[in-house]
Protein backbone atom coordinates (compact mmCIF):
# COMPACT_ATOMS: atom_id res chain seq x y z
CA MET A 1 -136.02 -63.33 89.09
CA PRO A 2 -137.43 -63.24 91.94
CA ASN A 3 -138.21 -59.56 91.12
CA SER A 4 -139.77 -59.66 88.01
CA ILE A 5 -141.88 -62.53 90.22
CA SER A 6 -142.90 -60.04 92.81
CA LEU A 7 -142.98 -56.95 90.64
CA ARG A 8 -145.49 -58.94 88.34
CA ASN A 9 -147.95 -60.18 91.79
CA PHE A 10 -147.82 -56.87 92.47
CA ILE A 11 -148.90 -55.52 89.18
CA VAL A 12 -151.48 -58.34 89.44
CA GLY A 13 -153.38 -57.80 92.87
CA ALA A 14 -153.17 -53.45 92.31
CA LEU A 15 -155.46 -54.57 89.14
CA LEU A 16 -157.31 -56.62 90.54
CA LEU A 17 -158.08 -54.15 93.90
CA LEU A 18 -159.00 -51.87 91.03
CA SER A 19 -161.01 -53.90 89.45
CA VAL A 20 -162.93 -54.43 92.65
CA LEU A 21 -163.17 -51.16 93.74
CA SER A 22 -164.59 -49.62 90.06
CA CYS A 23 -167.53 -52.61 90.87
CA GLN A 24 -168.54 -51.36 94.14
CA LYS A 25 -168.56 -47.49 92.64
CA LYS A 26 -170.36 -48.49 90.35
CA GLU A 27 -173.03 -50.34 91.99
CA SER A 28 -173.37 -47.77 94.93
CA LYS A 29 -174.13 -45.58 91.54
CA ASN A 30 -176.49 -47.74 90.54
CA VAL A 31 -179.05 -46.74 93.08
CA GLU A 32 -181.18 -43.56 92.75
CA ASN A 33 -183.43 -41.55 95.12
CA GLU A 34 -187.11 -40.08 94.69
CA LYS A 35 -187.50 -36.86 96.29
CA ILE A 36 -190.88 -37.74 98.70
CA ILE A 37 -192.73 -34.11 99.84
CA ALA A 38 -194.32 -34.45 102.99
CA ASP A 39 -196.50 -30.85 104.22
CA ASN A 40 -193.88 -29.83 105.57
CA TYR A 41 -190.53 -31.97 104.77
CA THR A 42 -188.65 -34.24 102.02
CA LEU A 43 -187.13 -36.98 101.70
CA MET A 44 -184.91 -38.52 99.43
CA VAL A 45 -186.22 -42.34 99.12
CA PRO A 46 -183.95 -44.93 97.41
CA LYS A 47 -186.03 -45.58 94.68
CA ASP A 48 -185.51 -49.12 94.84
CA PHE A 49 -187.77 -49.20 98.19
CA GLU A 50 -191.69 -50.12 98.17
CA LYS A 51 -194.21 -47.89 99.33
CA THR A 52 -196.66 -49.11 101.45
CA ASN A 53 -199.37 -48.32 104.31
CA LYS A 54 -198.95 -51.35 106.54
CA LEU A 55 -196.23 -50.85 108.79
CA ASN A 56 -197.86 -48.10 110.85
CA GLU A 57 -201.23 -46.40 111.05
CA LEU A 58 -199.75 -43.71 112.63
CA ALA A 59 -196.93 -42.70 109.60
CA LYS A 60 -197.28 -40.13 107.54
CA ILE A 61 -194.74 -42.20 105.48
CA GLN A 62 -193.82 -45.20 105.06
CA PHE A 63 -191.28 -47.45 102.64
CA GLN A 64 -189.72 -50.78 102.67
CA LYS A 65 -187.14 -53.27 100.88
CA VAL A 66 -188.47 -56.49 101.83
CA ASP A 67 -186.11 -58.65 100.14
CA GLU A 68 -184.03 -56.60 102.44
CA ASP A 69 -185.95 -56.63 105.36
CA LEU A 70 -185.27 -53.29 105.75
CA TYR A 71 -188.32 -50.43 106.96
CA PHE A 72 -188.66 -47.08 107.70
CA ILE A 73 -191.25 -44.87 108.66
CA VAL A 74 -192.06 -41.11 109.76
CA LEU A 75 -193.98 -39.64 112.47
CA GLU A 76 -195.25 -36.36 113.71
CA GLU A 77 -196.74 -35.08 116.39
CA THR A 78 -197.43 -31.63 117.47
CA LYS A 79 -195.26 -29.66 120.46
CA GLN A 80 -198.14 -28.27 121.87
CA SER A 81 -200.10 -32.12 121.88
CA PHE A 82 -196.80 -33.67 123.68
CA ALA A 83 -196.40 -30.66 125.68
CA ASP A 84 -200.05 -31.23 126.79
CA ALA A 85 -199.93 -34.81 127.52
CA VAL A 86 -196.56 -33.65 129.72
CA LYS A 87 -198.46 -31.17 132.10
CA LEU A 88 -201.58 -33.80 132.12
CA LYS A 89 -199.08 -36.09 134.07
CA ILE A 90 -199.58 -39.06 131.48
CA HIS A 91 -195.67 -38.55 130.60
CA ASP A 92 -193.44 -37.67 133.09
CA THR A 93 -190.93 -35.70 131.56
CA THR A 94 -189.96 -32.62 129.63
CA PRO A 95 -191.37 -30.56 127.06
CA ASN A 96 -188.70 -30.93 125.03
CA LEU A 97 -186.78 -33.02 122.61
CA TYR A 98 -185.14 -34.94 125.24
CA GLY A 99 -187.56 -35.13 126.90
CA TYR A 100 -189.58 -36.28 123.72
CA PHE A 101 -186.56 -38.85 123.60
CA LYS A 102 -187.36 -39.90 126.80
CA VAL A 103 -190.84 -41.35 125.83
CA VAL A 104 -190.19 -43.37 123.07
CA THR A 105 -186.93 -44.58 124.35
CA ASN A 106 -189.47 -45.47 127.72
CA HIS A 107 -191.92 -47.08 124.67
CA PHE A 108 -189.32 -49.16 122.95
CA LYS A 109 -188.35 -50.66 126.54
CA GLU A 110 -192.11 -51.65 126.98
CA ILE A 111 -192.31 -53.29 123.78
CA THR A 112 -189.00 -54.70 123.15
CA LYS A 113 -187.20 -57.72 125.96
CA ASN A 114 -183.64 -56.64 126.14
CA LEU A 115 -183.68 -53.39 124.78
CA LYS A 116 -180.02 -51.22 124.20
CA VAL A 117 -179.81 -47.86 123.56
CA ASN A 118 -176.47 -46.43 122.45
CA ASP A 119 -174.79 -44.11 119.77
CA VAL A 120 -177.26 -41.03 121.02
CA GLY A 121 -176.08 -37.83 119.54
CA ARG A 122 -177.30 -34.95 119.46
CA THR A 123 -177.01 -33.03 116.28
CA LYS A 124 -178.68 -30.74 113.02
CA ILE A 125 -180.43 -32.28 110.34
CA ASP A 126 -181.32 -29.29 108.20
CA SER A 127 -180.76 -26.50 111.02
CA CYS A 128 -183.43 -28.30 113.27
CA ASN A 129 -182.31 -29.99 116.03
CA ALA A 130 -181.80 -33.90 116.40
CA ILE A 131 -181.03 -36.44 118.03
CA ILE A 132 -179.77 -39.58 116.37
CA PHE A 133 -179.16 -43.02 118.54
CA SER A 134 -179.78 -46.83 117.33
CA MET A 135 -181.36 -49.45 119.41
CA PHE A 136 -181.89 -53.02 119.40
CA GLY A 137 -183.40 -56.49 120.95
CA GLN A 138 -186.12 -59.00 120.18
CA THR A 139 -189.88 -58.45 119.66
CA LEU A 140 -192.22 -59.55 122.18
CA ASP A 141 -194.25 -61.10 119.74
CA ASN A 142 -192.08 -63.69 117.72
CA GLY A 143 -188.26 -63.03 119.70
CA LYS A 144 -186.77 -61.84 116.40
CA SER A 145 -183.55 -59.68 117.07
CA VAL A 146 -184.32 -56.15 115.40
CA PHE A 147 -182.02 -53.08 114.80
CA TYR A 148 -183.23 -49.80 114.90
CA ARG A 149 -181.53 -46.23 113.26
CA TYR A 150 -183.94 -43.59 114.57
CA ALA A 151 -184.11 -39.77 114.57
CA LEU A 152 -185.99 -37.67 116.28
CA ILE A 153 -185.74 -33.85 114.50
CA GLU A 154 -187.66 -30.72 115.72
CA ASP A 155 -189.13 -27.75 114.23
CA ASP A 156 -191.28 -24.90 115.61
CA LYS A 157 -194.11 -26.88 115.83
CA ASN A 158 -193.30 -29.86 115.13
CA TYR A 159 -191.68 -33.52 116.87
CA TYR A 160 -190.75 -35.50 114.43
CA GLN A 161 -189.23 -39.29 114.58
CA ILE A 162 -187.71 -41.44 111.75
CA MET A 163 -187.71 -44.77 112.42
CA SER A 164 -185.60 -47.26 110.94
CA TRP A 165 -185.85 -51.35 111.00
CA THR A 166 -183.68 -54.25 110.26
CA ASN A 167 -183.15 -57.53 111.06
CA ILE A 168 -179.39 -57.63 113.49
CA HIS A 169 -177.62 -59.33 111.98
CA HIS A 170 -178.00 -56.71 108.69
CA LYS A 171 -177.21 -53.84 110.57
CA GLU A 172 -173.46 -53.51 109.28
CA LYS A 173 -174.88 -53.61 105.81
CA LEU A 174 -177.93 -50.93 106.09
CA ILE A 175 -176.74 -48.32 108.26
CA GLY A 176 -175.27 -45.95 105.91
CA ARG A 177 -178.97 -46.07 104.10
CA MET A 178 -180.44 -45.84 107.08
CA ASP A 179 -178.34 -42.90 107.98
CA ASN A 180 -179.14 -41.56 104.48
CA ILE A 181 -182.74 -41.06 104.53
CA ILE A 182 -182.57 -39.53 108.14
CA HIS A 183 -179.86 -37.60 106.85
CA SER A 184 -181.87 -36.06 103.95
CA PHE A 185 -184.48 -34.58 105.95
CA LYS A 186 -185.43 -31.15 104.28
CA MET A 187 -187.83 -28.88 105.96
CA LYS A 188 -189.60 -27.08 102.77
CA LYS A 189 -189.09 -23.26 103.10
């Protein structure tokens, strides 16, 4: 008799596990992506994001999912303008991708209290050199705890910043969505 109870408990547990896993797969399949085409690159953005122009006046691409407190923008800068700024000593760094990384993170140190930078890694995104990293701290204006997932990407002529952010408490839940957007970056051929 004890063996039949153990076997029944095992079967019930296995069925519950399978139903939970199948529900999770269905949820992830429900979010479709939309291809966003910019001048010289494309990004895949979840269709449940809303296009906006209110996040950053310099951003080429801006999307938000307000109910999840998730936002992202894409900024562009020519490599020549950055090199000129270094030459003119506007930035005290080297005119390369790592120097660009230093300028970006120093900027955030000025506008974010207790900023921590971590998970820094060099990689390739669609054959372009890239630095992907995370940052977190408190905003100076309202003290909100914020988490940033960031990519700096370079092609022959430009630097691109893909910045996504959310409340620090949503980091674990949303970092996968942030990374999916970052890694969908493709240069137009």
